[in-house]
Amino acid sequence: MTTIKLEEHEWQAIKADLEKRYPKSVMLVRTKMKSELGFTVREHRGWIKDPNYDPQYAFGSEYDSKIYKVSIHLDFYSEGAATMFRLKYL
């Protein structure tokens, strides 16, 4: 299984294109997405260390040095589907 990691804004653009090409049920039903598109979507949300953190501007919170990050993981079930996706969208 191949996984492609995308930023949230990249996924939104790709998702908009897919929604134009396929019926809504493909994007809503996981098994249909897998059979039609060859992948399923996982969304990860969490706090990560901020690379631009400056302690000079800290407020004393445990989240001062962190930023909230959303990433999208597309799990492909065949290498061919992953390759075609890369060629078309990346």
N, C-alpha and C. Protein backbone atom coordinates (compact mmCIF):
# COMPACT_ATOMS: atom_id res chain seq x y z
N MET A 1 0.85 -1.17 0.00
CA MET A 1 0.00 0.00 0.00
C MET A 1 0.90 1.24 0.00
N THR A 2 0.58 2.18 -0.86
CA THR A 2 1.33 3.43 -1.00
C THR A 2 0.52 4.56 -0.38
N THR A 3 1.19 5.46 0.33
CA THR A 3 0.53 6.60 0.93
C THR A 3 1.15 7.89 0.40
N ILE A 4 0.29 8.81 0.02
CA ILE A 4 0.72 10.14 -0.41
C ILE A 4 0.21 11.13 0.62
N LYS A 5 1.11 11.97 1.13
CA LYS A 5 0.75 12.96 2.14
C LYS A 5 0.60 14.32 1.48
N LEU A 6 -0.52 15.00 1.76
CA LEU A 6 -0.81 16.31 1.17
C LEU A 6 -1.10 17.33 2.27
N GLU A 7 -0.86 18.58 1.95
CA GLU A 7 -1.29 19.67 2.82
C GLU A 7 -2.78 19.86 2.59
N GLU A 8 -3.44 20.49 3.54
CA GLU A 8 -4.89 20.65 3.45
C GLU A 8 -5.30 21.46 2.22
N HIS A 9 -4.58 22.53 1.89
CA HIS A 9 -4.94 23.34 0.73
C HIS A 9 -4.73 22.58 -0.58
N GLU A 10 -3.74 21.70 -0.64
CA GLU A 10 -3.54 20.87 -1.85
C GLU A 10 -4.71 19.92 -2.03
N TRP A 11 -5.13 19.29 -0.92
CA TRP A 11 -6.23 18.34 -0.98
C TRP A 11 -7.53 19.03 -1.38
N GLN A 12 -7.78 20.25 -0.90
CA GLN A 12 -9.02 20.95 -1.23
C GLN A 12 -9.12 21.18 -2.74
N ALA A 13 -8.01 21.53 -3.38
CA ALA A 13 -8.02 21.75 -4.84
C ALA A 13 -8.27 20.44 -5.59
N ILE A 14 -7.62 19.37 -5.16
CA ILE A 14 -7.80 18.07 -5.80
C ILE A 14 -9.22 17.55 -5.58
N LYS A 15 -9.71 17.72 -4.36
CA LYS A 15 -11.06 17.26 -4.02
C LYS A 15 -12.12 17.99 -4.87
N ALA A 16 -11.94 19.29 -5.08
CA ALA A 16 -12.87 20.06 -5.91
C ALA A 16 -12.92 19.50 -7.33
N ASP A 17 -11.76 19.15 -7.87
CA ASP A 17 -11.72 18.56 -9.21
C ASP A 17 -12.40 17.19 -9.24
N LEU A 18 -12.14 16.38 -8.23
CA LEU A 18 -12.76 15.04 -8.17
C LEU A 18 -14.27 15.13 -8.03
N GLU A 19 -14.74 16.12 -7.27
CA GLU A 19 -16.18 16.28 -7.09
C GLU A 19 -16.88 16.68 -8.39
N LYS A 20 -16.15 17.34 -9.29
CA LYS A 20 -16.72 17.68 -10.60
C LYS A 20 -16.82 16.45 -11.49
N ARG A 21 -15.86 15.54 -11.37
CA ARG A 21 -15.76 14.39 -12.27
C ARG A 21 -16.59 13.17 -11.82
N TYR A 22 -16.81 13.04 -10.52
CA TYR A 22 -17.47 11.84 -9.98
C TYR A 22 -18.72 12.22 -9.21
N PRO A 23 -19.66 11.27 -9.08
CA PRO A 23 -20.85 11.53 -8.27
C PRO A 23 -20.47 11.74 -6.80
N LYS A 24 -21.32 12.42 -6.06
CA LYS A 24 -21.04 12.72 -4.66
C LYS A 24 -20.84 11.46 -3.84
N SER A 25 -21.51 10.38 -4.21
CA SER A 25 -21.40 9.14 -3.44
C SER A 25 -19.98 8.60 -3.43
N VAL A 26 -19.20 8.88 -4.46
CA VAL A 26 -17.81 8.39 -4.52
C VAL A 26 -16.99 9.04 -3.41
N MET A 27 -17.22 10.33 -3.16
CA MET A 27 -16.46 11.02 -2.13
C MET A 27 -16.99 10.73 -0.72
N LEU A 28 -18.23 10.29 -0.63
CA LEU A 28 -18.82 10.07 0.69
C LEU A 28 -18.72 8.64 1.19
N VAL A 29 -18.71 7.67 0.30
CA VAL A 29 -18.69 6.27 0.69
C VAL A 29 -17.28 5.70 0.48
N ARG A 30 -16.68 5.27 1.56
CA ARG A 30 -15.29 4.83 1.54
C ARG A 30 -15.03 3.66 0.59
N THR A 31 -15.91 2.68 0.59
CA THR A 31 -15.71 1.51 -0.27
C THR A 31 -15.86 1.89 -1.75
N LYS A 32 -16.76 2.83 -2.03
CA LYS A 32 -16.94 3.29 -3.41
C LYS A 32 -15.72 4.11 -3.86
N MET A 33 -15.17 4.90 -2.94
CA MET A 33 -13.97 5.68 -3.24
C MET A 33 -12.81 4.75 -3.57
N LYS A 34 -12.70 3.69 -2.79
CA LYS A 34 -11.62 2.72 -3.02
C LYS A 34 -11.77 2.05 -4.38
N SER A 35 -12.99 1.66 -4.74
CA SER A 35 -13.17 0.95 -6.01
C SER A 35 -13.10 1.89 -7.22
N GLU A 36 -13.59 3.11 -7.10
CA GLU A 36 -13.61 4.05 -8.24
C GLU A 36 -12.27 4.78 -8.41
N LEU A 37 -11.71 5.27 -7.31
CA LEU A 37 -10.51 6.10 -7.38
C LEU A 37 -9.22 5.35 -7.05
N GLY A 38 -9.35 4.24 -6.33
CA GLY A 38 -8.16 3.46 -5.99
C GLY A 38 -7.50 3.87 -4.69
N PHE A 39 -8.13 4.78 -3.94
CA PHE A 39 -7.55 5.20 -2.66
C PHE A 39 -8.64 5.57 -1.67
N THR A 40 -8.26 5.66 -0.41
CA THR A 40 -9.10 6.20 0.65
C THR A 40 -8.36 7.34 1.31
N VAL A 41 -9.10 8.17 2.04
CA VAL A 41 -8.55 9.39 2.63
C VAL A 41 -8.50 9.27 4.15
N ARG A 42 -7.36 9.66 4.72
CA ARG A 42 -7.22 9.79 6.18
C ARG A 42 -6.85 11.23 6.47
N GLU A 43 -7.43 11.79 7.51
CA GLU A 43 -7.13 13.16 7.91
C GLU A 43 -6.47 13.13 9.28
N HIS A 44 -5.33 13.79 9.39
CA HIS A 44 -4.60 13.86 10.65
C HIS A 44 -4.57 15.31 11.13
N ARG A 45 -4.91 15.51 12.40
CA ARG A 45 -4.88 16.84 13.00
C ARG A 45 -4.08 16.75 14.29
N GLY A 46 -3.30 17.79 14.54
CA GLY A 46 -2.55 17.78 15.79
C GLY A 46 -1.62 18.97 15.91
N TRP A 47 -1.01 19.07 17.09
CA TRP A 47 -0.08 20.14 17.39
C TRP A 47 1.33 19.66 17.09
N ILE A 48 2.08 20.48 16.33
CA ILE A 48 3.48 20.16 16.04
C ILE A 48 4.35 21.35 16.45
N LYS A 49 5.63 21.10 16.59
CA LYS A 49 6.56 22.15 16.98
C LYS A 49 6.66 23.20 15.87
N ASP A 50 6.53 24.46 16.26
CA ASP A 50 6.59 25.57 15.32
C ASP A 50 8.04 25.87 14.95
N PRO A 51 8.39 25.77 13.67
CA PRO A 51 9.78 26.04 13.28
C PRO A 51 10.17 27.51 13.44
N ASN A 52 9.18 28.40 13.51
CA ASN A 52 9.45 29.84 13.64
C ASN A 52 9.24 30.34 15.07
N TYR A 53 9.24 29.44 16.02
CA TYR A 53 8.97 29.81 17.42
C TYR A 53 10.05 30.75 17.96
N ASP A 54 9.62 31.82 18.59
CA ASP A 54 10.52 32.77 19.24
C ASP A 54 10.06 32.93 20.68
N PRO A 55 10.83 32.44 21.67
CA PRO A 55 10.41 32.50 23.08
C PRO A 55 10.21 33.93 23.58
N GLN A 56 10.72 34.88 22.88
CA GLN A 56 10.57 36.28 23.27
C GLN A 56 9.09 36.69 23.27
N TYR A 57 8.28 36.06 22.40
CA TYR A 57 6.87 36.41 22.29
C TYR A 57 5.94 35.38 22.94
N ALA A 58 6.46 34.59 23.85
CA ALA A 58 5.67 33.53 24.49
C ALA A 58 4.74 34.11 25.54
N PHE A 59 3.60 33.43 25.73
CA PHE A 59 2.62 33.83 26.74
C PHE A 59 2.64 32.93 27.97
N GLY A 60 3.46 31.90 27.94
CA GLY A 60 3.54 30.99 29.07
C GLY A 60 2.66 29.77 28.94
N SER A 61 2.04 29.57 27.80
CA SER A 61 1.19 28.41 27.56
C SER A 61 2.03 27.27 27.00
N GLU A 62 1.55 26.03 27.21
CA GLU A 62 2.27 24.89 26.65
C GLU A 62 2.18 24.85 25.13
N TYR A 63 1.26 25.62 24.55
CA TYR A 63 1.09 25.64 23.10
C TYR A 63 1.84 26.79 22.43
N ASP A 64 2.62 27.55 23.19
CA ASP A 64 3.37 28.67 22.62
C ASP A 64 4.30 28.23 21.50
N SER A 65 4.95 27.11 21.67
CA SER A 65 5.94 26.67 20.69
C SER A 65 5.36 25.70 19.67
N LYS A 66 4.03 25.61 19.58
CA LYS A 66 3.39 24.64 18.69
C LYS A 66 2.40 25.32 17.76
N ILE A 67 2.16 24.70 16.62
CA ILE A 67 1.12 25.15 15.69
C ILE A 67 0.20 23.97 15.38
N TYR A 68 -1.05 24.28 15.09
CA TYR A 68 -2.04 23.25 14.77
C TYR A 68 -1.91 22.92 13.29
N LYS A 69 -1.74 21.67 12.99
CA LYS A 69 -1.45 21.23 11.62
C LYS A 69 -2.49 20.19 11.19
N VAL A 70 -2.97 20.33 9.96
CA VAL A 70 -3.87 19.35 9.36
C VAL A 70 -3.15 18.78 8.14
N SER A 71 -3.07 17.46 8.06
CA SER A 71 -2.49 16.83 6.88
C SER A 71 -3.42 15.73 6.40
N ILE A 72 -3.40 15.51 5.11
CA ILE A 72 -4.27 14.52 4.48
C ILE A 72 -3.38 13.40 3.93
N HIS A 73 -3.77 12.17 4.24
CA HIS A 73 -3.04 11.00 3.74
C HIS A 73 -3.96 10.22 2.81
N LEU A 74 -3.49 9.98 1.60
CA LEU A 74 -4.24 9.18 0.64
C LEU A 74 -3.60 7.81 0.58
N ASP A 75 -4.36 6.78 0.95
CA ASP A 75 -3.86 5.41 0.97
C ASP A 75 -4.28 4.71 -0.33
N PHE A 76 -3.31 4.44 -1.18
CA PHE A 76 -3.57 3.78 -2.47
C PHE A 76 -3.41 2.28 -2.32
N TYR A 77 -4.26 1.54 -3.03
CA TYR A 77 -4.26 0.08 -2.94
C TYR A 77 -3.54 -0.57 -4.11
N SER A 78 -3.08 0.25 -5.06
CA SER A 78 -2.24 -0.29 -6.14
C SER A 78 -1.22 0.78 -6.52
N GLU A 79 -0.07 0.32 -6.91
CA GLU A 79 1.00 1.24 -7.32
C GLU A 79 0.62 1.99 -8.59
N GLY A 80 -0.12 1.34 -9.47
CA GLY A 80 -0.56 1.98 -10.71
C GLY A 80 -1.48 3.16 -10.45
N ALA A 81 -2.42 3.00 -9.52
CA ALA A 81 -3.33 4.09 -9.18
C ALA A 81 -2.57 5.27 -8.56
N ALA A 82 -1.59 4.98 -7.73
CA ALA A 82 -0.77 6.03 -7.11
C ALA A 82 0.04 6.78 -8.17
N THR A 83 0.58 6.05 -9.13
CA THR A 83 1.37 6.67 -10.20
C THR A 83 0.49 7.57 -11.07
N MET A 84 -0.69 7.10 -11.43
CA MET A 84 -1.59 7.92 -12.24
C MET A 84 -2.03 9.18 -11.49
N PHE A 85 -2.26 9.04 -10.20
CA PHE A 85 -2.64 10.20 -9.38
C PHE A 85 -1.52 11.23 -9.38
N ARG A 86 -0.28 10.76 -9.18
CA ARG A 86 0.87 11.68 -9.18
C ARG A 86 1.02 12.40 -10.52
N LEU A 87 0.85 11.67 -11.60
CA LEU A 87 0.97 12.27 -12.92
C LEU A 87 -0.11 13.33 -13.18
N LYS A 88 -1.29 13.06 -12.68
CA LYS A 88 -2.41 13.95 -12.95
C LYS A 88 -2.45 15.17 -12.03
N TYR A 89 -2.15 14.99 -10.74
CA TYR A 89 -2.38 16.05 -9.76
C TYR A 89 -1.12 16.64 -9.12
N LEU A 90 -0.01 15.94 -9.15
CA LEU A 90 1.17 16.44 -8.44
C LEU A 90 2.28 16.85 -9.37
